[in-house]
Amino acid sequence: MDGRTRKPGPDPGVLLRVSEHFLLRRHYEDCRKYALQAQQINPNFTGVTEILAVADVLLAAKPRTSTTTLPDWYEIMQVDRFSQNAYQIRQKFYYLYGILNPSNNKFPFADEAFDTLRDAWFVLSNPVKKVEYDDLLKKLLDNDENLNGKRDDFAFWTVCPYCYYVYEYPRVYLECCLRCPNEKCSKAFTCVEIDRPSVEVIKEGRYICTGFLPVGLQNGNWNPYVPLSNEQVNANVNVNGSDDAGKFVEMMMMMMMMMMMMMMMMTVVLMVLRSRVINRLM
């Protein structure tokens, strides 16, 4: 013994209260982070399992694709997607049912998570509804993948180097100098293409780089990602793969030529008027 006292570790009770704090604000990922830390210190600590179940279900209930709000019932039930194991689905439901039951679980939004779980069970426990849901989910996932592929051909992502807002623009604006749409910035910058962020990153509005962390990013509602809407993409990208971007550039060139012709005509008129004025003065 060297006589030095060991610094006490974090109290799981404090971590659980911090986790509940984030749950109240619907910051489910931060809620899970501190709940898992409490669980590592004491796996049997009262309340950890319950708050994790609430956060997991509500986090899973958030739409995971950019084209639909259809919930992923499999992720909510914590089973493999398109699982055909009815026994596993039933066992998982009974397990979560006991943990999320509001009569036992007093954490915020436990009733909401409980109702979401029952909705998932209503679909996945019915063979007919499950088949219909599986077909719909597959179509939506395939459509989302195809749309993302078309978006890469039609659009690109860039970042304003002054306010760090990240924008998705039609590819015709690549390497162009544009004004930042952020009203608090409004500075001109050159659109340089960057890697496309994932759907989860766009929704959560989080930077992956830990070297840059704006104040309020973790606890506020600030989201610096501004993607094109699906309506904008569908309006500019069709299944036949026609080059709408090329048509847009062609139209812009024609407009510029018309403007140049008008300027030339105005120049000629001004020269004629100038010559007449000079003749009268002489």
Protein backbone atom coordinates (compact mmCIF):
# COMPACT_ATOMS: atom_id res chain seq x y z
CA MET A 1 0.00 0.00 0.00
CA ASP A 2 1.42 3.37 -1.00
CA GLY A 3 -1.05 5.31 1.12
CA ARG A 4 -2.70 6.99 -1.84
CA THR A 5 -6.51 6.96 -2.00
CA ARG A 6 -8.12 5.72 -5.19
CA LYS A 7 -10.38 8.23 -6.93
CA PRO A 8 -13.98 6.99 -6.78
CA GLY A 9 -15.59 6.07 -10.11
CA PRO A 10 -18.76 7.62 -11.46
CA ASP A 11 -21.94 6.90 -9.54
CA PRO A 12 -24.43 4.84 -11.64
CA GLY A 13 -27.25 6.75 -9.96
CA VAL A 14 -25.88 10.04 -11.27
CA LEU A 15 -25.40 8.55 -14.73
CA LEU A 16 -28.97 7.29 -14.70
CA ARG A 17 -30.28 10.76 -13.82
CA VAL A 18 -28.24 12.25 -16.66
CA SER A 19 -29.67 9.59 -18.97
CA GLU A 20 -33.21 10.51 -17.89
CA HIS A 21 -32.40 14.18 -18.48
CA PHE A 22 -31.61 13.44 -22.13
CA LEU A 23 -34.63 11.17 -22.46
CA LEU A 24 -36.91 14.03 -21.38
CA ARG A 25 -35.48 16.04 -24.28
CA ARG A 26 -35.83 13.09 -26.67
CA HIS A 27 -32.09 12.85 -27.20
CA TYR A 28 -32.22 9.08 -27.33
CA GLU A 29 -28.61 8.45 -28.35
CA ASP A 30 -27.24 10.50 -25.44
CA CYS A 31 -29.75 8.79 -23.16
CA ARG A 32 -28.42 5.38 -24.22
CA LYS A 33 -24.82 6.55 -23.85
CA TYR A 34 -25.12 7.35 -20.14
CA ALA A 35 -27.44 4.45 -19.39
CA LEU A 36 -24.90 2.04 -20.89
CA GLN A 37 -22.15 3.61 -18.77
CA ALA A 38 -24.26 3.00 -15.67
CA GLN A 39 -24.88 -0.56 -16.81
CA GLN A 40 -21.15 -1.20 -17.23
CA ILE A 41 -20.52 -0.09 -13.65
CA ASN A 42 -23.43 -2.07 -12.21
CA PRO A 43 -25.33 -4.39 -14.60
CA ASN A 44 -28.07 -4.91 -12.00
CA PHE A 45 -28.60 -1.25 -11.15
CA THR A 46 -32.31 -0.51 -10.83
CA GLY A 47 -33.82 1.34 -13.78
CA VAL A 48 -31.04 0.85 -16.32
CA THR A 49 -32.82 -1.91 -18.25
CA GLU A 50 -36.08 0.04 -18.27
CA ILE A 51 -34.66 3.32 -19.56
CA LEU A 52 -32.60 1.54 -22.21
CA ALA A 53 -35.72 -0.24 -23.46
CA VAL A 54 -37.57 3.07 -23.79
CA ALA A 55 -34.69 4.76 -25.63
CA ASP A 56 -34.09 1.77 -27.93
CA VAL A 57 -37.73 1.49 -29.02
CA LEU A 58 -38.25 5.20 -29.59
CA LEU A 59 -34.94 5.50 -31.44
CA ALA A 60 -35.88 2.54 -33.64
CA ALA A 61 -39.29 4.10 -34.33
CA LYS A 62 -37.65 7.02 -36.15
CA PRO A 63 -37.80 6.51 -39.95
CA ARG A 64 -34.50 5.20 -41.34
CA THR A 65 -35.05 6.02 -45.00
CA SER A 66 -35.30 9.37 -46.71
CA THR A 67 -38.42 8.59 -48.76
CA THR A 68 -40.87 7.16 -46.25
CA THR A 69 -42.16 7.51 -42.71
CA LEU A 70 -42.97 3.79 -42.47
CA PRO A 71 -41.64 2.46 -39.13
CA ASP A 72 -39.25 -0.47 -39.10
CA TRP A 73 -41.23 -2.84 -36.89
CA TYR A 74 -38.38 -5.36 -36.91
CA GLU A 75 -35.92 -2.89 -35.44
CA ILE A 76 -38.49 -1.85 -32.86
CA MET A 77 -38.93 -5.51 -31.85
CA GLN A 78 -35.13 -5.93 -31.91
CA VAL A 79 -35.17 -8.88 -34.32
CA ASP A 80 -33.59 -9.39 -37.74
CA ARG A 81 -35.31 -7.60 -40.58
CA PHE A 82 -37.71 -9.87 -42.51
CA SER A 83 -37.26 -12.57 -39.85
CA GLN A 84 -39.50 -15.61 -40.32
CA ASN A 85 -38.86 -16.92 -36.79
CA ALA A 86 -42.28 -16.46 -35.18
CA TYR A 87 -41.08 -17.92 -31.88
CA GLN A 88 -38.22 -15.40 -31.60
CA ILE A 89 -40.56 -12.51 -32.41
CA ARG A 90 -43.06 -13.67 -29.79
CA GLN A 91 -40.39 -14.13 -27.11
CA LYS A 92 -38.96 -10.69 -27.82
CA PHE A 93 -42.39 -9.12 -27.57
CA TYR A 94 -43.12 -10.72 -24.20
CA TYR A 95 -39.73 -9.62 -22.88
CA LEU A 96 -40.14 -5.99 -23.96
CA TYR A 97 -43.80 -6.00 -22.92
CA GLY A 98 -42.83 -6.66 -19.33
CA ILE A 99 -40.08 -4.02 -19.31
CA LEU A 100 -42.04 -1.25 -21.04
CA ASN A 101 -45.38 -1.74 -19.30
CA PRO A 102 -46.19 1.72 -17.85
CA SER A 103 -47.41 0.13 -14.64
CA ASN A 104 -43.79 -0.92 -13.98
CA ASN A 105 -41.76 1.51 -16.07
CA LYS A 106 -42.05 5.05 -14.72
CA PHE A 107 -39.53 6.70 -17.05
CA PRO A 108 -40.69 9.45 -19.45
CA PHE A 109 -42.32 8.26 -22.67
CA ALA A 110 -42.57 4.67 -21.45
CA ASP A 111 -46.25 4.67 -22.46
CA GLU A 112 -45.32 5.87 -25.96
CA ALA A 113 -42.69 3.15 -26.33
CA PHE A 114 -45.19 0.59 -25.01
CA ASP A 115 -47.81 1.60 -27.59
CA THR A 116 -45.18 1.49 -30.35
CA LEU A 117 -44.21 -2.02 -29.30
CA ARG A 118 -47.85 -3.14 -29.44
CA ASP A 119 -48.23 -1.64 -32.91
CA ALA A 120 -45.18 -3.63 -34.06
CA TRP A 121 -46.62 -6.81 -32.54
CA PHE A 122 -49.99 -6.17 -34.21
CA VAL A 123 -48.28 -6.30 -37.62
CA LEU A 124 -45.57 -8.94 -37.12
CA SER A 125 -47.77 -11.41 -35.26
CA ASN A 126 -50.34 -11.51 -38.06
CA PRO A 127 -49.06 -13.63 -40.99
CA VAL A 128 -51.16 -11.79 -43.57
CA LYS A 129 -50.23 -8.31 -42.34
CA LYS A 130 -46.59 -9.34 -42.01
CA VAL A 131 -46.40 -10.45 -45.66
CA GLU A 132 -48.03 -7.20 -46.79
CA TYR A 133 -45.67 -5.16 -44.63
CA ASP A 134 -42.60 -7.08 -45.86
CA ASP A 135 -43.52 -6.44 -49.49
CA LEU A 136 -44.10 -2.74 -48.84
CA LEU A 137 -40.88 -2.37 -46.86
CA LYS A 138 -38.82 -4.08 -49.57
CA LYS A 139 -40.26 -1.82 -52.26
CA LEU A 140 -39.61 1.30 -50.21
CA LEU A 141 -36.03 0.26 -49.42
CA ASP A 142 -35.34 -0.54 -53.08
CA ASN A 143 -36.86 2.77 -54.13
CA ASP A 144 -34.71 4.61 -51.61
CA GLU A 145 -31.54 2.93 -52.89
CA ASN A 146 -32.44 3.74 -56.50
CA LEU A 147 -33.24 7.34 -55.63
CA ASN A 148 -29.93 7.75 -53.83
CA GLY A 149 -28.15 6.43 -56.90
CA LYS A 150 -29.96 8.94 -59.10
CA ARG A 151 -29.23 11.73 -56.64
CA ASP A 152 -25.50 11.02 -57.01
CA ASP A 153 -25.82 11.53 -60.78
CA PHE A 154 -27.98 14.63 -60.51
CA ALA A 155 -26.79 16.34 -57.32
CA PHE A 156 -23.69 16.85 -55.18
CA TRP A 157 -22.90 17.98 -51.62
CA THR A 158 -20.82 21.00 -50.70
CA VAL A 159 -20.04 22.99 -47.55
CA CYS A 160 -19.87 26.70 -46.85
CA PRO A 161 -16.37 27.34 -45.39
CA TYR A 162 -17.66 30.29 -43.35
CA CYS A 163 -20.71 28.95 -41.46
CA TYR A 164 -20.12 25.19 -42.05
CA TYR A 165 -23.62 24.61 -43.39
CA VAL A 166 -23.70 21.61 -45.73
CA TYR A 167 -25.85 21.87 -48.86
CA GLU A 168 -27.02 19.58 -51.64
CA TYR A 169 -27.15 21.29 -55.04
CA PRO A 170 -27.90 20.18 -58.61
CA ARG A 171 -24.65 19.16 -60.28
CA VAL A 172 -24.84 22.06 -62.77
CA TYR A 173 -23.67 24.32 -59.91
CA LEU A 174 -20.47 22.35 -59.28
CA GLU A 175 -17.42 24.69 -59.12
CA CYS A 176 -19.74 27.70 -59.36
CA CYS A 177 -19.60 30.65 -56.96
CA LEU A 178 -22.87 30.87 -55.02
CA ARG A 179 -24.12 32.88 -52.08
CA CYS A 180 -24.68 30.87 -48.88
CA PRO A 181 -28.46 30.50 -48.27
CA ASN A 182 -27.87 30.77 -44.51
CA GLU A 183 -29.29 34.19 -43.62
CA LYS A 184 -26.71 34.63 -40.85
CA CYS A 185 -23.86 34.04 -43.31
CA SER A 186 -24.85 35.03 -46.90
CA LYS A 187 -21.21 34.93 -48.02
CA ALA A 188 -20.14 33.82 -51.48
CA PHE A 189 -18.20 30.56 -51.77
CA THR A 190 -17.12 28.13 -54.48
CA CYS A 191 -19.11 24.88 -54.55
CA VAL A 192 -16.57 22.09 -54.12
CA GLU A 193 -17.91 18.55 -53.96
CA ILE A 194 -17.59 16.63 -50.68
CA ASP A 195 -18.51 13.07 -49.71
CA ARG A 196 -22.22 12.41 -49.44
CA PRO A 197 -23.26 12.21 -45.75
CA SER A 198 -25.33 9.27 -44.58
CA VAL A 199 -29.09 9.54 -44.02
CA GLU A 200 -28.63 9.22 -40.25
CA VAL A 201 -26.06 12.05 -40.19
CA ILE A 202 -28.36 14.34 -42.19
CA LYS A 203 -31.31 13.69 -39.88
CA GLU A 204 -29.40 14.06 -36.64
CA GLY A 205 -27.39 17.05 -37.92
CA ARG A 206 -24.16 15.79 -36.40
CA TYR A 207 -20.62 16.28 -37.67
CA ILE A 208 -18.51 13.11 -37.66
CA CYS A 209 -15.25 15.05 -37.28
CA THR A 210 -14.52 15.52 -33.57
CA GLY A 211 -12.14 18.38 -34.31
CA PHE A 212 -15.08 20.67 -35.01
CA LEU A 213 -17.94 20.77 -32.52
CA PRO A 214 -20.09 23.94 -32.63
CA VAL A 215 -21.55 25.19 -29.35
CA GLY A 216 -25.05 23.79 -28.90
CA LEU A 217 -24.63 20.97 -31.41
CA GLN A 218 -25.14 18.22 -28.84
CA ASN A 219 -28.06 19.71 -26.95
CA GLY A 220 -29.74 22.04 -29.43
CA ASN A 221 -31.95 21.50 -32.46
CA TRP A 222 -29.43 23.00 -34.89
CA ASN A 223 -29.05 21.00 -38.08
CA PRO A 224 -26.54 22.31 -40.65
CA TYR A 225 -27.51 19.79 -43.37
CA VAL A 226 -29.79 21.10 -46.14
CA PRO A 227 -30.61 18.35 -48.68
CA LEU A 228 -32.71 18.74 -51.80
CA SER A 229 -36.30 17.65 -51.30
CA ASN A 230 -37.47 14.44 -52.97
CA GLU A 231 -39.85 16.54 -55.06
CA GLN A 232 -36.89 18.49 -56.43
CA VAL A 233 -35.01 15.30 -57.26
CA ASN A 234 -38.03 13.64 -58.88
CA ALA A 235 -38.65 16.77 -60.90
CA ASN A 236 -35.11 16.73 -62.29
CA VAL A 237 -34.27 13.01 -62.50
CA ASN A 238 -36.46 10.54 -64.43
CA VAL A 239 -36.29 6.82 -64.98
CA ASN A 240 -35.20 7.12 -68.62
CA GLY A 241 -32.07 8.94 -67.52
CA SER A 242 -32.55 12.05 -69.69
CA ASP A 243 -29.94 14.76 -69.16
CA ASP A 244 -32.06 17.46 -67.51
CA ALA A 245 -28.93 19.13 -66.21
CA GLY A 246 -27.71 19.50 -69.79
CA LYS A 247 -31.04 21.01 -70.82
CA PHE A 248 -30.80 23.45 -67.95
CA VAL A 249 -27.32 24.55 -69.04
CA GLU A 250 -28.51 24.88 -72.65
CA MET A 251 -31.42 27.06 -71.56
CA MET A 252 -29.11 29.25 -69.48
CA MET A 253 -26.76 29.66 -72.45
CA MET A 254 -29.65 30.74 -74.67
CA MET A 255 -30.75 33.30 -72.09
CA MET A 256 -27.21 34.68 -71.85
CA MET A 257 -26.99 34.97 -75.65
CA MET A 258 -30.30 36.84 -75.74
CA MET A 259 -29.07 39.23 -73.06
CA MET A 260 -25.86 39.85 -75.00
CA MET A 261 -27.83 40.58 -78.18
CA MET A 262 -30.03 43.05 -76.30
CA MET A 263 -26.96 44.78 -74.88
CA MET A 264 -25.45 45.04 -78.38
CA MET A 265 -28.69 46.52 -79.73
CA MET A 266 -28.77 49.04 -76.88
CA THR A 267 -25.15 49.96 -77.63
CA VAL A 268 -25.97 50.57 -81.32
CA VAL A 269 -28.98 52.73 -80.41
CA LEU A 270 -26.88 54.79 -78.00
CA MET A 271 -24.21 55.30 -80.65
CA VAL A 272 -26.81 56.49 -83.19
CA LEU A 273 -28.33 58.90 -80.68
CA ARG A 274 -24.88 60.19 -79.77
CA SER A 275 -24.02 60.85 -83.42
CA ARG A 276 -27.31 62.75 -83.99
CA VAL A 277 -26.70 64.93 -80.93
CA ILE A 278 -23.20 65.75 -82.15
CA ASN A 279 -24.48 66.61 -85.65
CA ARG A 280 -27.07 69.00 -84.21
CA LEU A 281 -24.48 70.71 -82.05
CA MET A 282 -22.24 71.25 -85.04
